[in-house]
PDB file of N, CA and C in Angstrom:
ATOM      1  N   GLY A   1       0.811  -1.188   0.000  1.00  0.00           N
ATOM      2  CA  GLY A   1       0.000   0.000   0.000  1.00  0.00           C
ATOM      3  C   GLY A   1       0.852   1.248   0.000  1.00  0.00           C
ATOM      4  N   PHE A   2       0.202   2.359   0.009  1.00  0.00           N
ATOM      5  CA  PHE A   2       0.892   3.640  -0.020  1.00  0.00           C
ATOM      6  C   PHE A   2       0.524   4.450   1.218  1.00  0.00           C
ATOM      7  N   LEU A   3       1.035   5.647   1.298  1.00  0.00           N
ATOM      8  CA  LEU A   3       0.785   6.567   2.396  1.00  0.00           C
ATOM      9  C   LEU A   3       1.332   6.006   3.707  1.00  0.00           C
ATOM     10  N   GLY A   4       2.506   5.450   3.619  1.00  0.00           N
ATOM     11  CA  GLY A   4       3.172   4.911   4.787  1.00  0.00           C
ATOM     12  C   GLY A   4       4.645   5.242   4.741  1.00  0.00           C
ATOM     13  N   ALA A   5       5.401   4.557   5.553  1.00  0.00           N
ATOM     14  CA  ALA A   5       6.815   4.869   5.682  1.00  0.00           C
ATOM     15  C   ALA A   5       7.685   4.174   4.643  1.00  0.00           C
ATOM     16  N   ILE A   6       7.140   3.204   3.911  1.00  0.00           N
ATOM     17  CA  ILE A   6       7.959   2.480   2.941  1.00  0.00           C
ATOM     18  C   ILE A   6       7.081   2.017   1.778  1.00  0.00           C
ATOM     19  N   GLU A   7       7.613   2.170   0.584  1.00  0.00           N
ATOM     20  CA  GLU A   7       6.972   1.631  -0.612  1.00  0.00           C
ATOM     21  C   GLU A   7       8.027   0.845  -1.372  1.00  0.00           C
ATOM     22  N   VAL A   8       7.637  -0.284  -1.937  1.00  0.00           N
ATOM     23  CA  VAL A   8       8.537  -1.124  -2.712  1.00  0.00           C
ATOM     24  C   VAL A   8       7.913  -1.302  -4.085  1.00  0.00           C
ATOM     25  N   PHE A   9       8.728  -1.102  -5.127  1.00  0.00           N
ATOM     26  CA  PHE A   9       8.235  -1.222  -6.493  1.00  0.00           C
ATOM     27  C   PHE A   9       8.962  -2.355  -7.208  1.00  0.00           C
ATOM     28  N   SER A  10       8.235  -3.069  -8.061  1.00  0.00           N
ATOM     29  CA  SER A  10       8.870  -4.081  -8.894  1.00  0.00           C
ATOM     30  C   SER A  10       9.657  -3.382 -10.002  1.00  0.00           C
ATOM     31  N   LYS A  11      10.542  -4.113 -10.625  1.00  0.00           N
ATOM     32  CA  LYS A  11      11.308  -3.568 -11.749  1.00  0.00           C
ATOM     33  C   LYS A  11      10.363  -3.116 -12.859  1.00  0.00           C
ATOM     34  N   GLN A  12       9.338  -3.922 -13.128  1.00  0.00           N
ATOM     35  CA  GLN A  12       8.376  -3.574 -14.177  1.00  0.00           C
ATOM     36  C   GLN A  12       7.626  -2.287 -13.838  1.00  0.00           C
ATOM     37  N   ALA A  13       7.240  -2.106 -12.586  1.00  0.00           N
ATOM     38  CA  ALA A  13       6.542  -0.877 -12.180  1.00  0.00           C
ATOM     39  C   ALA A  13       7.438   0.343 -12.378  1.00  0.00           C
ATOM     40  N   VAL A  14       8.707   0.213 -12.046  1.00  0.00           N
ATOM     41  CA  VAL A  14       9.645   1.335 -12.224  1.00  0.00           C
ATOM     42  C   VAL A  14       9.838   1.644 -13.703  1.00  0.00           C
ATOM     43  N   GLU A  15       9.901   0.612 -14.525  1.00  0.00           N
ATOM     44  CA  GLU A  15      10.047   0.831 -15.966  1.00  0.00           C
ATOM     45  C   GLU A  15       8.817   1.529 -16.547  1.00  0.00           C
ATOM     46  N   ILE A  16       7.631   1.137 -16.103  1.00  0.00           N
ATOM     47  CA  ILE A  16       6.404   1.794 -16.554  1.00  0.00           C
ATOM     48  C   ILE A  16       6.405   3.257 -16.121  1.00  0.00           C
ATOM     49  N   TYR A  17       6.806   3.494 -14.891  1.00  0.00           N
ATOM     50  CA  TYR A  17       6.893   4.882 -14.419  1.00  0.00           C
ATOM     51  C   TYR A  17       7.910   5.667 -15.243  1.00  0.00           C
ATOM     52  N   ARG A  18       9.093   5.092 -15.439  1.00  0.00           N
ATOM     53  CA  ARG A  18      10.147   5.768 -16.201  1.00  0.00           C
ATOM     54  C   ARG A  18       9.647   6.197 -17.584  1.00  0.00           C
ATOM     55  N   ASP A  19       8.903   5.319 -18.229  1.00  0.00           N
ATOM     56  CA  ASP A  19       8.405   5.599 -19.574  1.00  0.00           C
ATOM     57  C   ASP A  19       7.255   6.594 -19.587  1.00  0.00           C
ATOM     58  N   ASN A  20       6.654   6.900 -18.452  1.00  0.00           N
ATOM     59  CA  ASN A  20       5.460   7.750 -18.397  1.00  0.00           C
ATOM     60  C   ASN A  20       5.544   8.872 -17.367  1.00  0.00           C
ATOM     61  N   LYS A  21       6.716   9.103 -16.795  1.00  0.00           N
ATOM     62  CA  LYS A  21       6.825  10.051 -15.690  1.00  0.00           C
ATOM     63  C   LYS A  21       6.439  11.473 -16.069  1.00  0.00           C
ATOM     64  N   GLU A  22       6.719  11.885 -17.288  1.00  0.00           N
ATOM     65  CA  GLU A  22       6.360  13.250 -17.686  1.00  0.00           C
ATOM     66  C   GLU A  22       4.847  13.452 -17.646  1.00  0.00           C
ATOM     67  N   GLY A  23       4.098  12.451 -18.073  1.00  0.00           N
ATOM     68  CA  GLY A  23       2.632  12.532 -18.003  1.00  0.00           C
ATOM     69  C   GLY A  23       2.142  12.645 -16.574  1.00  0.00           C
ATOM     70  N   CYS A  24       2.783  11.941 -15.670  1.00  0.00           N
ATOM     71  CA  CYS A  24       2.416  12.042 -14.253  1.00  0.00           C
ATOM     72  C   CYS A  24       2.733  13.434 -13.726  1.00  0.00           C
ATOM     73  N   HIS A  25       3.894  13.962 -14.099  1.00  0.00           N
ATOM     74  CA  HIS A  25       4.268  15.312 -13.640  1.00  0.00           C
ATOM     75  C   HIS A  25       3.244  16.342 -14.105  1.00  0.00           C
ATOM     76  N   VAL A  26       2.850  16.235 -15.383  1.00  0.00           N
ATOM     77  CA  VAL A  26       1.899  17.197 -15.942  1.00  0.00           C
ATOM     78  C   VAL A  26       0.519  17.027 -15.299  1.00  0.00           C
ATOM     79  N   SER A  27       0.062  15.792 -15.189  1.00  0.00           N
ATOM     80  CA  SER A  27      -1.299  15.523 -14.685  1.00  0.00           C
ATOM     81  C   SER A  27      -1.430  15.721 -13.182  1.00  0.00           C
ATOM     82  N   LEU A  28      -0.429  15.281 -12.424  1.00  0.00           N
ATOM     83  CA  LEU A  28      -0.535  15.280 -10.966  1.00  0.00           C
ATOM     84  C   LEU A  28       0.213  16.418 -10.300  1.00  0.00           C
ATOM     85  N   GLY A  29       1.156  17.018 -11.004  1.00  0.00           N
ATOM     86  CA  GLY A  29       1.988  18.033 -10.372  1.00  0.00           C
ATOM     87  C   GLY A  29       2.993  17.376  -9.443  1.00  0.00           C
ATOM     88  N   ILE A  30       3.752  18.211  -8.776  1.00  0.00           N
ATOM     89  CA  ILE A  30       4.773  17.668  -7.877  1.00  0.00           C
ATOM     90  C   ILE A  30       4.672  18.282  -6.482  1.00  0.00           C
ATOM     91  N   ASN A  31       3.485  18.780  -6.137  1.00  0.00           N
ATOM     92  CA  ASN A  31       3.308  19.433  -4.839  1.00  0.00           C
ATOM     93  C   ASN A  31       2.899  18.472  -3.726  1.00  0.00           C
ATOM     94  N   ALA A  32       2.498  17.258  -4.076  1.00  0.00           N
ATOM     95  CA  ALA A  32       2.094  16.281  -3.060  1.00  0.00           C
ATOM     96  C   ALA A  32       3.334  15.598  -2.493  1.00  0.00           C
ATOM     97  N   GLY A  33       3.168  14.897  -1.405  1.00  0.00           N
ATOM     98  CA  GLY A  33       4.245  14.063  -0.883  1.00  0.00           C
ATOM     99  C   GLY A  33       4.540  12.945  -1.855  1.00  0.00           C
ATOM    100  N   GLU A  34       5.718  12.329  -1.709  1.00  0.00           N
ATOM    101  CA  GLU A  34       6.097  11.294  -2.672  1.00  0.00           C
ATOM    102  C   GLU A  34       5.160  10.101  -2.642  1.00  0.00           C
ATOM    103  N   ASP A  35       4.628   9.758  -1.476  1.00  0.00           N
ATOM    104  CA  ASP A  35       3.733   8.601  -1.414  1.00  0.00           C
ATOM    105  C   ASP A  35       2.425   8.872  -2.158  1.00  0.00           C
ATOM    106  N   GLY A  36       1.836  10.035  -1.944  1.00  0.00           N
ATOM    107  CA  GLY A  36       0.601  10.387  -2.648  1.00  0.00           C
ATOM    108  C   GLY A  36       0.815  10.533  -4.144  1.00  0.00           C
ATOM    109  N   TYR A  37       1.949  11.118  -4.520  1.00  0.00           N
ATOM    110  CA  TYR A  37       2.282  11.281  -5.935  1.00  0.00           C
ATOM    111  C   TYR A  37       2.392   9.917  -6.614  1.00  0.00           C
ATOM    112  N   PHE A  38       3.190   9.022  -6.027  1.00  0.00           N
ATOM    113  CA  PHE A  38       3.369   7.713  -6.653  1.00  0.00           C
ATOM    114  C   PHE A  38       2.086   6.896  -6.651  1.00  0.00           C
ATOM    115  N   LYS A  39       1.290   6.992  -5.616  1.00  0.00           N
ATOM    116  CA  LYS A  39       0.001   6.281  -5.595  1.00  0.00           C
ATOM    117  C   LYS A  39      -0.866   6.751  -6.754  1.00  0.00           C
ATOM    118  N   GLY A  40      -1.007   8.077  -6.923  1.00  0.00           N
ATOM    119  CA  GLY A  40      -1.819   8.608  -8.013  1.00  0.00           C
ATOM    120  C   GLY A  40      -1.269   8.248  -9.379  1.00  0.00           C
ATOM    121  N   CYS A  41       0.044   8.344  -9.526  1.00  0.00           N
ATOM    122  CA  CYS A  41       0.677   8.037 -10.807  1.00  0.00           C
ATOM    123  C   CYS A  41       0.531   6.555 -11.154  1.00  0.00           C
ATOM    124  N   MET A  42       0.873   5.688 -10.223  1.00  0.00           N
ATOM    125  CA  MET A  42       0.792   4.252 -10.495  1.00  0.00           C
ATOM    126  C   MET A  42      -0.650   3.810 -10.748  1.00  0.00           C
ATOM    127  N   ASP A  43      -1.595   4.390 -10.027  1.00  0.00           N
ATOM    128  CA  ASP A  43      -3.010   4.083 -10.294  1.00  0.00           C
ATOM    129  C   ASP A  43      -3.388   4.511 -11.707  1.00  0.00           C
ATOM    130  N   ALA A  44      -2.979   5.716 -12.100  1.00  0.00           N
ATOM    131  CA  ALA A  44      -3.300   6.223 -13.434  1.00  0.00           C
ATOM    132  C   ALA A  44      -2.664   5.372 -14.530  1.00  0.00           C
ATOM    133  N   LEU A  45      -1.506   4.800 -14.246  1.00  0.00           N
ATOM    134  CA  LEU A  45      -0.804   3.970 -15.229  1.00  0.00           C
ATOM    135  C   LEU A  45      -1.269   2.512 -15.213  1.00  0.00           C
ATOM    136  N   GLY A  46      -2.170   2.180 -14.297  1.00  0.00           N
ATOM    137  CA  GLY A  46      -2.698   0.820 -14.224  1.00  0.00           C
ATOM    138  C   GLY A  46      -1.768  -0.174 -13.554  1.00  0.00           C
ATOM    139  N   VAL A  47      -0.805   0.327 -12.804  1.00  0.00           N
ATOM    140  CA  VAL A  47       0.108  -0.560 -12.069  1.00  0.00           C
ATOM    141  C   VAL A  47      -0.603  -1.002 -10.792  1.00  0.00           C
ATOM    142  N   GLY A  48      -0.745  -2.289 -10.605  1.00  0.00           N
ATOM    143  CA  GLY A  48      -1.417  -2.813  -9.417  1.00  0.00           C
ATOM    144  C   GLY A  48      -0.532  -2.702  -8.187  1.00  0.00           C
ATOM    145  N   PHE A  49      -1.106  -3.047  -7.040  1.00  0.00           N
ATOM    146  CA  PHE A  49      -0.316  -3.038  -5.808  1.00  0.00           C
ATOM    147  C   PHE A  49      -0.813  -4.125  -4.884  1.00  0.00           C
ATOM    148  N   MET A  50       0.005  -4.429  -3.922  1.00  0.00           N
ATOM    149  CA  MET A  50      -0.357  -5.397  -2.893  1.00  0.00           C
ATOM    150  C   MET A  50       0.154  -4.877  -1.562  1.00  0.00           C
ATOM    151  N   VAL A  51      -0.403  -5.381  -0.497  1.00  0.00           N
ATOM    152  CA  VAL A  51      -0.008  -4.977   0.842  1.00  0.00           C
ATOM    153  C   VAL A  51       0.697  -6.151   1.508  1.00  0.00           C
ATOM    154  N   ASP A  52       1.855  -5.881   2.089  1.00  0.00           N
ATOM    155  CA  ASP A  52       2.584  -6.875   2.859  1.00  0.00           C
ATOM    156  C   ASP A  52       2.781  -6.304   4.258  1.00  0.00           C
ATOM    157  N   ALA A  53       1.924  -6.706   5.172  1.00  0.00           N
ATOM    158  CA  ALA A  53       1.955  -6.155   6.533  1.00  0.00           C
ATOM    159  C   ALA A  53       3.206  -6.560   7.300  1.00  0.00           C
ATOM    160  N   GLN A  54       3.966  -7.525   6.787  1.00  0.00           N
ATOM    161  CA  GLN A  54       5.175  -7.973   7.477  1.00  0.00           C
ATOM    162  C   GLN A  54       6.428  -7.221   7.032  1.00  0.00           C
ATOM    163  N   LEU A  55       6.308  -6.377   6.007  1.00  0.00           N
ATOM    164  CA  LEU A  55       7.463  -5.683   5.447  1.00  0.00           C
ATOM    165  C   LEU A  55       7.993  -4.585   6.360  1.00  0.00           C
ATOM    166  N   PHE A  56       7.090  -3.885   7.008  1.00  0.00           N
ATOM    167  CA  PHE A  56       7.439  -2.712   7.803  1.00  0.00           C
ATOM    168  C   PHE A  56       6.912  -2.877   9.218  1.00  0.00           C
ATOM    169  N   ASN A  57       7.690  -2.437  10.194  1.00  0.00           N
ATOM    170  CA  ASN A  57       7.251  -2.508  11.583  1.00  0.00           C
ATOM    171  C   ASN A  57       7.052  -1.095  12.119  1.00  0.00           C
ATOM    172  N   PRO A  58       5.807  -0.703  12.412  1.00  0.00           N
ATOM    173  CA  PRO A  58       5.540   0.672  12.841  1.00  0.00           C
ATOM    174  C   PRO A  58       5.769   0.948  14.325  1.00  0.00           C
ATOM    175  N   ASP A  59       6.618   0.189  14.962  1.00  0.00           N
ATOM    176  CA  ASP A  59       6.913   0.397  16.371  1.00  0.00           C
ATOM    177  C   ASP A  59       8.033   1.425  16.491  1.00  0.00           C
ATOM    178  N   ARG A  60       7.883   2.421  17.360  1.00  0.00           N
ATOM    179  CA  ARG A  60       8.888   3.477  17.507  1.00  0.00           C
ATOM    180  C   ARG A  60       9.998   3.110  18.492  1.00  0.00           C
ATOM    181  N   SER A  61       9.999   1.893  18.975  1.00  0.00           N
ATOM    182  CA  SER A  61      11.004   1.456  19.942  1.00  0.00           C
ATOM    183  C   SER A  61      12.152   0.734  19.239  1.00  0.00           C
ATOM    184  N   PRO A  62      13.395   1.027  19.597  1.00  0.00           N
ATOM    185  CA  PRO A  62      14.509   0.295  19.004  1.00  0.00           C
ATOM    186  C   PRO A  62      14.490  -1.188  19.359  1.00  0.00           C
ATOM    187  N   GLY A  63      13.762  -1.555  20.384  1.00  0.00           N
ATOM    188  CA  GLY A  63      13.650  -2.967  20.744  1.00  0.00           C
ATOM    189  C   GLY A  63      12.998  -3.796  19.656  1.00  0.00           C
ATOM    190  N   ALA A  64      12.196  -3.168  18.801  1.00  0.00           N
ATOM    191  CA  ALA A  64      11.534  -3.877  17.705  1.00  0.00           C
ATOM    192  C   ALA A  64      12.500  -4.217  16.573  1.00  0.00           C
ATOM    193  N   CYS A  65      13.698  -3.679  16.633  1.00  0.00           N
ATOM    194  CA  CYS A  65      14.674  -3.902  15.568  1.00  0.00           C
ATOM    195  C   CYS A  65      15.204  -5.330  15.548  1.00  0.00           C
ATOM    196  N   ASN A  66      14.798  -6.152  16.503  1.00  0.00           N
ATOM    197  CA  ASN A  66      15.205  -7.550  16.509  1.00  0.00           C
ATOM    198  C   ASN A  66      14.325  -8.400  15.601  1.00  0.00           C
ATOM    199  N   LEU A  67      13.349  -7.802  14.954  1.00  0.00           N
ATOM    200  CA  LEU A  67      12.455  -8.525  14.046  1.00  0.00           C
ATOM    201  C   LEU A  67      13.116  -8.608  12.672  1.00  0.00           C
ATOM    202  N   GLY A  68      13.952  -9.604  12.485  1.00  0.00           N
ATOM    203  CA  GLY A  68      14.764  -9.719  11.280  1.00  0.00           C
ATOM    204  C   GLY A  68      13.996  -9.884   9.982  1.00  0.00           C
ATOM    205  N   GLN A  69      12.747 -10.291  10.052  1.00  0.00           N
ATOM    206  CA  GLN A  69      11.965 -10.475   8.832  1.00  0.00           C
ATOM    207  C   GLN A  69      11.452  -9.157   8.265  1.00  0.00           C
ATOM    208  N   ARG A  70      11.653  -8.064   8.963  1.00  0.00           N
ATOM    209  CA  ARG A  70      11.180  -6.756   8.510  1.00  0.00           C
ATOM    210  C   ARG A  70      12.225  -6.085   7.621  1.00  0.00           C
ATOM    211  N   ALA A  71      11.769  -5.346   6.634  1.00  0.00           N
ATOM    212  CA  ALA A  71      12.669  -4.589   5.760  1.00  0.00           C
ATOM    213  C   ALA A  71      12.849  -3.166   6.255  1.00  0.00           C
ATOM    214  N   GLY A  72      11.948  -2.682   7.092  1.00  0.00           N
ATOM    215  CA  GLY A  72      12.037  -1.314   7.568  1.00  0.00           C
ATOM    216  C   GLY A  72      11.392  -1.164   8.924  1.00  0.00           C
ATOM    217  N   PHE A  73      11.828  -0.136   9.630  1.00  0.00           N
ATOM    218  CA  PHE A  73      11.317   0.167  10.958  1.00  0.00           C
ATOM    219  C   PHE A  73      10.911   1.621  11.005  1.00  0.00           C
ATOM    220  N   HIS A  74      10.019   1.959  11.912  1.00  0.00           N
ATOM    221  CA  HIS A  74       9.577   3.345  12.034  1.00  0.00           C
ATOM    222  C   HIS A  74      10.779   4.215  12.380  1.00  0.00           C
ATOM    223  N   PRO A  75      10.810   5.434  11.859  1.00  0.00           N
ATOM    224  CA  PRO A  75      11.959   6.295  12.167  1.00  0.00           C
ATOM    225  C   PRO A  75      12.160   6.468  13.671  1.00  0.00           C
ATOM    226  N   LEU A  76      13.384   6.311  14.085  1.00  0.00           N
ATOM    227  CA  LEU A  76      13.743   6.517  15.480  1.00  0.00           C
ATOM    228  C   LEU A  76      14.241   7.957  15.611  1.00  0.00           C
ATOM    229  N   LYS A  77      13.785   8.654  16.627  1.00  0.00           N
ATOM    230  CA  LYS A  77      13.967  10.098  16.714  1.00  0.00           C
ATOM    231  C   LYS A  77      15.257  10.557  17.378  1.00  0.00           C
ATOM    232  N   THR A  78      15.991   9.647  18.009  1.00  0.00           N
ATOM    233  CA  THR A  78      17.244  10.064  18.649  1.00  0.00           C
ATOM    234  C   THR A  78      18.406   9.269  18.070  1.00  0.00           C
ATOM    235  N   VAL A  79      19.581   9.872  18.091  1.00  0.00           N
ATOM    236  CA  VAL A  79      20.781   9.191  17.608  1.00  0.00           C
ATOM    237  C   VAL A  79      21.024   7.932  18.431  1.00  0.00           C
ATOM    238  N   ASN A  80      20.842   8.014  19.742  1.00  0.00           N
ATOM    239  CA  ASN A  80      21.053   6.865  20.622  1.00  0.00           C
ATOM    240  C   ASN A  80      20.155   5.692  20.227  1.00  0.00           C
ATOM    241  N   ASN A  81      18.877   5.945  20.001  1.00  0.00           N
ATOM    242  CA  ASN A  81      17.966   4.864  19.628  1.00  0.00           C
ATOM    243  C   ASN A  81      18.272   4.323  18.237  1.00  0.00           C
ATOM    244  N   TRP A  82      18.698   5.196  17.322  1.00  0.00           N
ATOM    245  CA  TRP A  82      19.062   4.741  15.982  1.00  0.00           C
ATOM    246  C   TRP A  82      20.269   3.814  16.056  1.00  0.00           C
ATOM    247  N   LYS A  83      21.293   4.221  16.804  1.00  0.00           N
ATOM    248  CA  LYS A  83      22.486   3.387  16.960  1.00  0.00           C
ATOM    249  C   LYS A  83      22.141   2.073  17.649  1.00  0.00           C
ATOM    250  N   CYS A  84      21.251   2.134  18.614  1.00  0.00           N
ATOM    251  CA  CYS A  84      20.807   0.935  19.318  1.00  0.00           C
ATOM    252  C   CYS A  84      20.133  -0.035  18.343  1.00  0.00           C
ATOM    253  N   CYS A  85      19.254   0.493  17.509  1.00  0.00           N
ATOM    254  CA  CYS A  85      18.569  -0.334  16.511  1.00  0.00           C
ATOM    255  C   CYS A  85      19.588  -0.996  15.586  1.00  0.00           C
ATOM    256  N   LEU A  86      20.545  -0.218  15.103  1.00  0.00           N
ATOM    257  CA  LEU A  86      21.573  -0.760  14.224  1.00  0.00           C
ATOM    258  C   LEU A  86      22.345  -1.873  14.925  1.00  0.00           C
ATOM    259  N   ASP A  87      22.727  -1.647  16.168  1.00  0.00           N
ATOM    260  CA  ASP A  87      23.415  -2.684  16.938  1.00  0.00           C
ATOM    261  C   ASP A  87      22.566  -3.948  17.034  1.00  0.00           C
ATOM    262  N   ILE A  88      21.296  -3.780  17.346  1.00  0.00           N
ATOM    263  CA  ILE A  88      20.397  -4.934  17.514  1.00  0.00           C
ATOM    264  C   ILE A  88      20.315  -5.736  16.226  1.00  0.00           C
ATOM    265  N   THR A  89      20.256  -5.048  15.072  1.00  0.00           N
ATOM    266  CA  THR A  89      20.197  -5.778  13.791  1.00  0.00           C
ATOM    267  C   THR A  89      21.489  -6.549  13.536  1.00  0.00           C
ATOM    268  N   LYS A  90      22.573  -6.132  14.180  1.00  0.00           N
ATOM    269  CA  LYS A  90      23.867  -6.817  14.042  1.00  0.00           C
ATOM    270  C   LYS A  90      24.056  -7.896  15.103  1.00  0.00           C
ATOM    271  N   GLY A  91      23.054  -8.087  15.950  1.00  0.00           N
ATOM    272  CA  GLY A  91      23.127  -9.115  16.982  1.00  0.00           C
ATOM    273  C   GLY A  91      23.698  -8.653  18.307  1.00  0.00           C
ATOM    274  N   ILE A  92      23.965  -7.351  18.453  1.00  0.00           N
ATOM    275  CA  ILE A  92      24.482  -6.808  19.709  1.00  0.00           C
ATOM    276  C   ILE A  92      23.289  -6.520  20.617  1.00  0.00           C
ATOM    277  N   LYS A  93      23.249  -7.122  21.764  1.00  0.00           N
ATOM    278  CA  LYS A  93      22.101  -6.995  22.663  1.00  0.00           C
ATOM    279  C   LYS A  93      22.151  -5.693  23.460  1.00  0.00           C
ATOM    280  N   HIS A  94      20.984  -5.077  23.630  1.00  0.00           N
ATOM    281  CA  HIS A  94      20.825  -3.875  24.447  1.00  0.00           C
ATOM    282  C   HIS A  94      19.549  -4.009  25.244  1.00  0.00           C
ATOM    283  N   ASN A  95      19.494  -3.363  26.382  1.00  0.00           N
ATOM    284  CA  ASN A  95      18.301  -3.329  27.205  1.00  0.00           C
ATOM    285  C   ASN A  95      17.465  -2.119  26.768  1.00  0.00           C
ATOM    286  N   VAL A  96      16.239  -2.370  26.332  1.00  0.00           N
ATOM    287  CA  VAL A  96      15.334  -1.294  25.905  1.00  0.00           C
ATOM    288  C   VAL A  96      14.206  -1.222  26.910  1.00  0.00           C
ATOM    289  N   VAL A  97      14.051  -0.050  27.534  1.00  0.00           N
ATOM    290  CA  VAL A  97      13.047   0.153  28.566  1.00  0.00           C
ATOM    291  C   VAL A  97      12.129   1.279  28.122  1.00  0.00           C
ATOM    292  N   TYR A  98      10.835   0.978  27.994  1.00  0.00           N
ATOM    293  CA  TYR A  98       9.819   1.959  27.594  1.00  0.00           C
ATOM    294  C   TYR A  98      10.235   2.703  26.334  1.00  0.00           C
ATOM    295  N   GLY A  99      10.753   1.975  25.354  1.00  0.00           N
ATOM    296  CA  GLY A  99      11.102   2.566  24.074  1.00  0.00           C
ATOM    297  C   GLY A  99      12.413   3.294  24.030  1.00  0.00           C
ATOM    298  N   GLU A 100      13.181   3.282  25.097  1.00  0.00           N
ATOM    299  CA  GLU A 100      14.475   3.972  25.140  1.00  0.00           C
ATOM    300  C   GLU A 100      15.581   2.940  25.372  1.00  0.00           C
ATOM    301  N   CYS A 101      16.625   3.026  24.573  1.00  0.00           N
ATOM    302  CA  CYS A 101      17.737   2.099  24.690  1.00  0.00           C
ATOM    303  C   CYS A 101      18.670   2.513  25.814  1.00  0.00           C
ATOM    304  N   GLN A 102      19.030   1.538  26.639  1.00  0.00           N
ATOM    305  CA  GLN A 102      19.985   1.762  27.741  1.00  0.00           C
ATOM    306  C   GLN A 102      21.338   1.270  27.234  1.00  0.00           C
ATOM    307  N   MET A 103      22.150   2.168  26.682  1.00  0.00           N
ATOM    308  CA  MET A 103      23.452   1.758  26.105  1.00  0.00           C
ATOM    309  C   MET A 103      24.563   1.960  27.112  1.00  0.00           C
TER     310      MET A 103
END
C-alpha cells in the first residue's frame, strides 16, 4: 500500500513509471508528498499493488529492531535509539526500557 513509511516497487513498475513520468508530472503536479504522488501516478498507469503487513514494523522502539523479517522500521527520533537499533540488527544486545535504549 501507499501513504506509509515504505513503498517497494517491482522492476516492471519502475520501468512503466520511467516511460510515463512526464505525463504524471503534468497531470498530478509535484506538490504532493512522494507517497501520494506515486500512488496517483501508479493508479493512473494501471500498475497494481499489494499490501505486505510484514514488510514494515511501525513500532517506535529500538527494541523492535530484533524482528529480522522486517525490511524497515519506524523512524527513530534520537541518535542513541538509531544506533541501538543498528546494533540490535547486528546481533548486539541492548536493554530497551519503555522505548528507550539503555546503552
